[in-house]
Amino acid sequence: MTTGMRADVGVVISASHNPYIDNGIKLFGADGYKLADDFEAQLEQWIGDDDAIRASLASGANIGRAFRFEDARGRYIVFLKQTFPSDLTLDGLKIAVDCANGAAYRVAPAVFEELGAEVIPIGTSPNGVNINEGCGALHPEALAKVVTENGCDMGIALDGDADRLILVDEKGRIVDGDAVLAICATRMARQGLLSRNTLVVTVMSNYGLEMAMRDHGIRLLRTDVGDRYVVEAMRKGGYDLGGEQSGHILFLRHSTTGDGILAALQVLGHAVREGRPLSHLAGVMQAAPQQLINLTVREKPALSSLPDVAREIVRAEQELEGTGRVLVRYSGTESKCRVMVEGQDASAVDAHARRIAETIEAAIGA
């Protein structure tokens, strides 16, 4: 909408995937992309300077006016429908849609209905405080129950601001962002539509996705955690598909940011064209066993400066080489160290993760 209206900036008030008390502000530039980290840092510095704020405030008629854009919903629905293959419909499909009592509570059901699906909507009664509460992409269990009880072909779960997508297959099983990316990447590559034959994900994506991409001759590029870093890598490298395990899926050929409804339409397009259920499509990847341990730490020294810790990490990496991976990192917002180990053997994965965690706890545990 920011680019379509030729606006200088787009502002979204959103709790994202969090409770309503975490409402905050997301800013988008005139190009439709989130603002860069350094620019946001400059804004924060400016906001903290009371004198600078007072000197720049407008007054009187210069403050401007607010206008309601009456047809925003309709224009957005038309845009979304145009991303779905024009030669296909959703006729005959029954879809359950959980809108998380959030931003898409009207738009999402309408999009799928207008394309021909029978829709069972849930999470469509926002009251100002129930956004993401026990529903949506972070709590897809309720959706899974609706899918199985009503014989749905698919369940679609969005989060509060509808930029995340988690799916539920016809058997009630959760299909996360990694599986969605695997489905779309393999199909796009087959059709010659995957730019530079590359998929961009974060370091948190499951090793099973990496193995699936390797089997299909697709390059996997990892970034730091956060959809903004995925987008930066995509723009820099000229890639058009990327995302996160959490459900942020980015199709830069269609949009400048994650859009859960748009992503769901892409998966539905593949399902309809192939005449296959979601469970079959999701079989393109098998998630590798994973162990994630979060440790509270009293300080955050470089892990390489802790000999015993570095030794355990190297040991695990050597034993898992070619069959798994090790990721140990500090949280950017909490006094925590996160230990993640993935591999083909669940018991070995668990043992490596626990040894590394115990060593870190002995060195810098709280």
Protein backbone atom coordinates (compact mmCIF):
# COMPACT_ATOMS: atom_id res chain seq x y z
CA MET A 1 0.00 0.00 0.00
CA THR A 2 2.91 2.36 0.74
CA THR A 3 4.25 2.07 -2.79
CA GLY A 4 0.79 1.97 -4.37
CA MET A 5 -0.14 5.25 -2.70
CA ARG A 6 3.30 6.74 -3.45
CA ALA A 7 3.64 7.54 0.23
CA ASP A 8 6.88 8.68 1.83
CA VAL A 9 6.52 6.24 4.70
CA GLY A 10 4.22 3.43 5.85
CA VAL A 11 3.34 2.99 9.52
CA VAL A 12 1.85 -0.18 11.00
CA ILE A 13 0.63 -0.40 14.59
CA SER A 14 0.97 -4.05 15.46
CA ALA A 15 1.56 -6.59 18.20
CA SER A 16 2.87 -8.92 15.47
CA HIS A 17 2.68 -12.43 16.97
CA ASN A 18 2.57 -11.15 20.57
CA PRO A 19 -0.22 -10.23 23.04
CA TYR A 20 -1.94 -6.86 22.63
CA ILE A 21 0.14 -5.28 25.42
CA ASP A 22 3.17 -5.54 23.11
CA ASN A 23 1.68 -3.30 20.44
CA GLY A 24 4.39 -1.30 18.73
CA ILE A 25 5.18 0.50 15.49
CA LYS A 26 6.64 -0.90 12.26
CA LEU A 27 7.94 1.57 9.70
CA PHE A 28 8.29 1.02 5.97
CA GLY A 29 10.13 3.22 3.50
CA ALA A 30 8.74 4.62 0.28
CA ASP A 31 10.02 1.51 -1.52
CA GLY A 32 7.84 -0.74 0.65
CA TYR A 33 10.72 -2.35 2.54
CA LYS A 34 11.35 -2.15 6.28
CA LEU A 35 13.76 0.59 7.28
CA ALA A 36 17.42 -0.37 7.61
CA ASP A 37 18.88 -0.98 11.07
CA ASP A 38 21.16 2.07 10.96
CA PHE A 39 18.29 4.36 9.96
CA GLU A 40 16.11 3.01 12.77
CA ALA A 41 18.99 3.64 15.18
CA GLN A 42 19.14 7.25 13.98
CA LEU A 43 15.40 7.60 14.57
CA GLU A 44 15.72 6.24 18.09
CA GLN A 45 18.51 8.69 18.81
CA TRP A 46 16.43 11.56 17.45
CA ILE A 47 13.37 10.51 19.44
CA GLY A 48 15.49 10.55 22.60
CA ASP A 49 16.51 14.16 21.97
CA ASP A 50 13.67 16.28 23.42
CA ASP A 51 15.07 19.55 22.07
CA ALA A 52 15.31 18.19 18.53
CA ILE A 53 11.74 16.90 18.70
CA ARG A 54 10.34 20.21 19.95
CA ALA A 55 12.20 22.14 17.26
CA SER A 56 10.81 19.95 14.47
CA LEU A 57 7.17 19.65 15.54
CA ALA A 58 4.60 21.08 13.18
CA SER A 59 1.74 23.18 14.48
CA GLY A 60 -1.57 24.56 13.29
CA ALA A 61 -2.48 23.86 9.69
CA ASN A 62 0.98 22.40 9.05
CA ILE A 63 0.16 19.32 11.12
CA GLY A 64 -1.78 17.92 8.16
CA ARG A 65 -4.97 15.89 7.96
CA ALA A 66 -5.96 12.27 8.32
CA PHE A 67 -7.98 10.62 5.55
CA ARG A 68 -9.59 7.19 5.58
CA PHE A 69 -8.79 5.15 2.50
CA GLU A 70 -12.20 3.53 2.06
CA ASP A 71 -11.29 0.93 -0.58
CA ALA A 72 -8.06 -0.37 1.01
CA ARG A 73 -9.54 -3.79 1.81
CA GLY A 74 -10.92 -4.30 -1.67
CA ARG A 75 -7.69 -3.28 -3.36
CA TYR A 76 -5.71 -5.62 -1.13
CA ILE A 77 -8.02 -8.55 -1.90
CA VAL A 78 -7.65 -7.92 -5.63
CA PHE A 79 -3.86 -7.78 -5.28
CA LEU A 80 -3.77 -11.10 -3.42
CA LYS A 81 -6.02 -12.86 -5.91
CA GLN A 82 -3.78 -11.72 -8.75
CA THR A 83 -0.87 -13.65 -7.22
CA PHE A 84 -2.83 -16.91 -7.60
CA PRO A 85 -2.53 -18.69 -10.98
CA SER A 86 -5.21 -17.25 -13.26
CA ASP A 87 -6.01 -20.65 -14.79
CA LEU A 88 -6.82 -22.25 -11.42
CA THR A 89 -9.57 -21.97 -8.79
CA LEU A 90 -10.12 -23.32 -5.29
CA ASP A 91 -13.44 -24.88 -6.25
CA GLY A 92 -14.19 -28.01 -4.25
CA LEU A 93 -11.69 -27.30 -1.47
CA LYS A 94 -12.69 -26.89 2.17
CA ILE A 95 -10.25 -24.67 4.06
CA ALA A 96 -10.15 -23.67 7.71
CA VAL A 97 -8.61 -20.22 8.28
CA ASP A 98 -7.41 -18.97 11.67
CA CYS A 99 -6.97 -15.20 11.57
CA ALA A 100 -5.64 -14.89 15.15
CA ASN A 101 -8.24 -12.22 15.95
CA GLY A 102 -5.94 -9.89 14.06
CA ALA A 103 -5.50 -7.75 11.00
CA ALA A 104 -6.68 -10.29 8.42
CA TYR A 105 -9.93 -11.32 10.12
CA ARG A 106 -12.01 -9.97 7.22
CA VAL A 107 -9.62 -10.15 4.29
CA ALA A 108 -8.34 -13.71 4.59
CA PRO A 109 -11.70 -15.54 4.52
CA ALA A 110 -12.87 -13.31 1.68
CA VAL A 111 -9.82 -14.06 -0.51
CA PHE A 112 -10.19 -17.83 -0.30
CA GLU A 113 -13.98 -17.68 -0.71
CA GLU A 114 -13.75 -15.46 -3.79
CA LEU A 115 -11.37 -17.99 -5.35
CA GLY A 116 -13.97 -20.72 -4.84
CA ALA A 117 -13.13 -22.44 -1.55
CA GLU A 118 -15.55 -23.32 1.22
CA VAL A 119 -14.07 -21.51 4.21
CA ILE A 120 -14.42 -22.24 7.92
CA PRO A 121 -13.14 -19.09 9.64
CA ILE A 122 -11.94 -18.96 13.24
CA GLY A 123 -10.14 -16.23 15.16
CA THR A 124 -12.31 -13.59 13.49
CA SER A 125 -13.73 -11.82 16.55
CA PRO A 126 -11.14 -9.25 17.64
CA ASN A 127 -12.05 -7.25 20.74
CA GLY A 128 -8.84 -5.29 21.21
CA VAL A 129 -7.23 -7.65 23.72
CA ASN A 130 -7.58 -11.19 22.30
CA ILE A 131 -5.14 -10.91 19.36
CA ASN A 132 -2.95 -14.06 19.17
CA GLU A 133 -4.55 -15.35 22.37
CA GLY A 134 -4.54 -19.14 22.11
CA CYS A 135 -4.98 -18.96 18.35
CA GLY A 136 -3.22 -18.22 15.08
CA ALA A 137 0.22 -19.21 13.84
CA LEU A 138 1.68 -19.53 17.33
CA HIS A 139 -1.12 -21.80 18.54
CA PRO A 140 -2.17 -23.94 15.54
CA GLU A 141 -3.52 -26.77 17.73
CA ALA A 142 -7.04 -25.30 17.73
CA LEU A 143 -6.93 -25.05 13.94
CA ALA A 144 -5.75 -28.65 13.64
CA LYS A 145 -8.81 -29.77 15.61
CA VAL A 146 -11.13 -27.80 13.31
CA VAL A 147 -9.46 -29.32 10.24
CA THR A 148 -9.87 -32.92 11.36
CA GLU A 149 -13.38 -32.49 12.79
CA ASN A 150 -14.67 -30.85 9.61
CA GLY A 151 -12.81 -32.91 7.01
CA CYS A 152 -10.93 -29.89 5.66
CA ASP A 153 -8.36 -30.15 2.90
CA MET A 154 -6.07 -27.67 4.63
CA GLY A 155 -5.80 -25.31 7.58
CA ILE A 156 -4.25 -21.86 7.31
CA ALA A 157 -3.02 -20.07 10.44
CA LEU A 158 -1.92 -16.44 10.39
CA ASP A 159 -0.53 -14.33 13.20
CA GLY A 160 -1.86 -10.99 14.44
CA ASP A 161 -0.45 -8.86 11.63
CA ALA A 162 -0.79 -11.71 9.10
CA ASP A 163 2.83 -11.77 7.99
CA ARG A 164 3.37 -15.32 9.29
CA LEU A 165 1.93 -18.55 7.91
CA ILE A 166 1.70 -21.97 9.52
CA LEU A 167 -0.29 -24.67 7.70
CA VAL A 168 -2.14 -27.77 8.88
CA ASP A 169 -2.49 -30.69 6.48
CA GLU A 170 -5.66 -32.72 5.97
CA LYS A 171 -4.53 -35.15 8.68
CA GLY A 172 -4.20 -32.40 11.28
CA ARG A 173 -0.39 -32.27 11.21
CA ILE A 174 1.48 -28.97 11.51
CA VAL A 175 3.40 -27.79 8.42
CA ASP A 176 5.86 -25.06 9.44
CA GLY A 177 7.69 -22.37 7.49
CA ASP A 178 10.58 -24.66 6.53
CA ALA A 179 8.20 -27.11 4.87
CA VAL A 180 6.36 -24.28 3.09
CA LEU A 181 9.68 -23.00 1.76
CA ALA A 182 10.66 -26.52 0.63
CA ILE A 183 7.37 -26.95 -1.23
CA CYS A 184 7.65 -23.62 -3.02
CA ALA A 185 11.40 -23.75 -3.74
CA THR A 186 11.27 -27.17 -5.39
CA ARG A 187 8.27 -26.27 -7.53
CA MET A 188 9.67 -22.90 -8.54
CA ALA A 189 13.01 -24.48 -9.42
CA ARG A 190 11.25 -27.09 -11.54
CA GLN A 191 9.43 -24.31 -13.41
CA GLY A 192 12.60 -22.25 -13.84
CA LEU A 193 11.21 -19.51 -11.59
CA LEU A 194 13.64 -19.75 -8.66
CA SER A 195 16.07 -16.90 -9.17
CA ARG A 196 19.70 -18.07 -9.18
CA ASN A 197 18.38 -21.44 -7.99
CA THR A 198 18.80 -20.19 -4.41
CA LEU A 199 16.64 -20.25 -1.28
CA VAL A 200 17.44 -17.79 1.54
CA VAL A 201 16.71 -18.82 5.16
CA THR A 202 18.06 -18.06 8.63
CA VAL A 203 20.43 -20.07 10.78
CA MET A 204 17.38 -21.45 12.61
CA SER A 205 15.95 -23.36 9.66
CA ASN A 206 16.05 -27.12 10.16
CA TYR A 207 18.91 -29.15 8.73
CA GLY A 208 16.30 -31.29 7.00
CA LEU A 209 15.51 -28.33 4.75
CA GLU A 210 19.19 -28.05 3.87
CA MET A 211 19.32 -31.74 2.96
CA ALA A 212 16.15 -31.50 0.87
CA MET A 213 17.52 -28.54 -1.08
CA ARG A 214 20.80 -30.39 -1.62
CA ASP A 215 18.87 -33.37 -3.02
CA HIS A 216 17.10 -31.07 -5.50
CA GLY A 217 20.22 -29.17 -6.53
CA ILE A 218 19.09 -25.94 -4.87
CA ARG A 219 21.55 -23.68 -3.07
CA LEU A 220 20.66 -22.75 0.52
CA LEU A 221 21.90 -19.41 1.85
CA ARG A 222 21.61 -18.74 5.61
CA THR A 223 21.41 -15.36 7.36
CA ASP A 224 21.10 -14.11 10.93
CA VAL A 225 17.74 -14.55 12.66
CA GLY A 226 15.11 -12.05 11.51
CA ASP A 227 13.09 -11.56 8.33
CA ARG A 228 14.79 -8.19 7.72
CA TYR A 229 18.14 -9.98 7.30
CA VAL A 230 16.57 -12.48 4.91
CA VAL A 231 15.21 -9.61 2.83
CA GLU A 232 18.57 -7.81 2.84
CA ALA A 233 20.33 -10.94 1.55
CA MET A 234 17.63 -11.48 -1.08
CA ARG A 235 17.88 -7.93 -2.38
CA LYS A 236 21.67 -7.98 -2.38
CA GLY A 237 21.90 -11.30 -4.22
CA GLY A 238 18.91 -10.91 -6.52
CA TYR A 239 16.99 -13.84 -5.01
CA ASP A 240 13.21 -14.05 -4.94
CA LEU A 241 12.32 -16.68 -2.33
CA GLY A 242 13.26 -16.77 1.33
CA GLY A 243 11.88 -16.96 4.82
CA GLU A 244 11.93 -18.34 8.32
CA GLN A 245 10.87 -21.52 10.06
CA SER A 246 8.48 -19.38 12.10
CA GLY A 247 6.38 -18.72 9.00
CA HIS A 248 7.69 -15.48 7.51
CA ILE A 249 7.70 -16.37 3.80
CA LEU A 250 8.97 -13.83 1.28
CA PHE A 251 8.17 -13.79 -2.43
CA LEU A 252 9.90 -10.64 -3.63
CA ARG A 253 8.43 -11.02 -7.10
CA HIS A 254 5.06 -10.30 -5.48
CA SER A 255 5.69 -8.31 -2.31
CA THR A 256 8.39 -6.47 -0.37
CA THR A 257 7.54 -8.10 2.95
CA GLY A 258 6.17 -11.32 4.40
CA ASP A 259 2.48 -11.96 3.74
CA GLY A 260 0.81 -15.06 5.16
CA ILE A 261 -2.20 -14.98 2.84
CA LEU A 262 -0.01 -14.56 -0.23
CA ALA A 263 2.20 -17.46 0.87
CA ALA A 264 -0.83 -19.68 1.47
CA LEU A 265 -2.07 -18.93 -2.04
CA GLN A 266 1.24 -20.02 -3.53
CA VAL A 267 1.07 -23.38 -1.73
CA LEU A 268 -2.57 -23.82 -2.72
CA GLY A 269 -1.64 -23.13 -6.32
CA HIS A 270 0.88 -25.99 -6.28
CA ALA A 271 -1.58 -28.31 -4.53
CA VAL A 272 -4.38 -27.62 -7.02
CA ARG A 273 -2.15 -27.87 -10.08
CA GLU A 274 -0.71 -31.21 -8.96
CA GLY A 275 -3.99 -32.54 -7.57
CA ARG A 276 -2.16 -33.58 -4.40
CA PRO A 277 -3.00 -33.04 -0.72
CA LEU A 278 -0.79 -30.89 1.48
CA SER A 279 0.55 -33.96 3.28
CA HIS A 280 2.04 -35.17 0.00
CA LEU A 281 3.55 -31.80 -0.85
CA ALA A 282 5.08 -31.43 2.61
CA GLY A 283 6.81 -34.77 2.20
CA VAL A 284 9.43 -33.03 0.07
CA MET A 285 11.44 -32.57 3.29
CA GLN A 286 11.83 -34.54 6.50
CA ALA A 287 12.73 -32.48 9.55
CA ALA A 288 15.97 -33.62 11.16
CA PRO A 289 15.96 -34.42 14.89
CA GLN A 290 16.73 -31.24 16.80
CA GLN A 291 17.62 -30.35 20.38
CA LEU A 292 17.41 -26.73 21.51
CA ILE A 293 18.58 -25.73 25.00
CA ASN A 294 18.31 -22.18 26.35
CA LEU A 295 20.72 -21.33 29.16
CA THR A 296 20.66 -18.28 31.42
CA VAL A 297 24.17 -16.77 31.55
CA ARG A 298 25.73 -14.06 33.70
CA GLU A 299 27.92 -12.69 30.90
CA LYS A 300 28.47 -13.09 27.16
CA PRO A 301 32.15 -13.58 26.38
CA ALA A 302 33.13 -14.78 22.93
CA LEU A 303 32.56 -18.52 22.84
CA SER A 304 35.96 -18.96 21.20
CA SER A 305 37.51 -17.49 24.37
CA LEU A 306 36.16 -20.39 26.45
CA PRO A 307 38.50 -23.33 25.69
CA ASP A 308 36.29 -26.11 27.10
CA VAL A 309 33.21 -24.78 25.30
CA ALA A 310 35.04 -24.33 22.00
CA ARG A 311 36.41 -27.87 22.32
CA GLU A 312 32.94 -29.39 22.82
CA ILE A 313 31.52 -27.45 19.87
CA VAL A 314 34.33 -28.57 17.56
CA ARG A 315 33.95 -32.15 18.74
CA ALA A 316 30.22 -32.14 17.94
CA GLU A 317 30.77 -30.46 14.56
CA GLN A 318 33.36 -33.05 13.57
CA GLU A 319 31.18 -35.99 14.54
CA LEU A 320 28.14 -34.52 12.76
CA GLU A 321 29.98 -33.31 9.66
CA GLY A 322 27.87 -33.96 6.59
CA THR A 323 24.92 -35.27 8.61
CA GLY A 324 24.04 -32.43 10.96
CA ARG A 325 25.06 -29.09 12.40
CA VAL A 326 25.71 -27.18 15.59
CA LEU A 327 24.59 -23.62 16.32
CA VAL A 328 25.54 -21.91 19.58
CA ARG A 329 24.71 -18.23 19.93
CA TYR A 330 23.77 -15.60 22.48
CA SER A 331 20.33 -14.05 22.48
CA GLY A 332 20.32 -10.49 21.25
CA THR A 333 17.71 -9.41 23.79
CA GLU A 334 18.07 -11.73 26.79
CA SER A 335 20.86 -12.98 29.08
CA LYS A 336 20.72 -16.37 27.43
CA CYS A 337 22.87 -18.66 25.34
CA ARG A 338 21.05 -20.88 22.87
CA VAL A 339 22.46 -24.30 22.00
CA MET A 340 20.97 -26.01 18.97
CA VAL A 341 22.12 -29.33 17.55
CA GLU A 342 20.59 -31.18 14.59
CA GLY A 343 21.44 -34.47 12.96
CA GLN A 344 20.13 -37.80 11.75
CA ASP A 345 20.36 -39.65 15.08
CA ALA A 346 18.16 -38.20 17.83
CA SER A 347 20.14 -39.73 20.71
CA ALA A 348 23.44 -38.41 19.37
CA VAL A 349 21.90 -34.96 18.83
CA ASP A 350 20.62 -34.90 22.39
CA ALA A 351 23.97 -36.03 23.82
CA HIS A 352 25.96 -33.39 21.95
CA ALA A 353 23.55 -30.61 22.93
CA ARG A 354 23.63 -31.56 26.61
CA ARG A 355 27.44 -31.80 26.72
CA ILE A 356 27.80 -28.35 25.15
CA ALA A 357 25.13 -26.88 27.44
CA GLU A 358 26.71 -28.37 30.57
CA THR A 359 30.10 -26.98 29.58
CA ILE A 360 28.68 -23.50 28.99
CA GLU A 361 26.80 -23.62 32.28
CA ALA A 362 29.98 -24.52 34.13
CA ALA A 363 31.84 -21.64 32.50
CA ILE A 364 29.35 -18.75 32.53
CA GLY A 365 26.06 -20.06 33.89
CA ALA A 366 24.04 -17.74 36.12
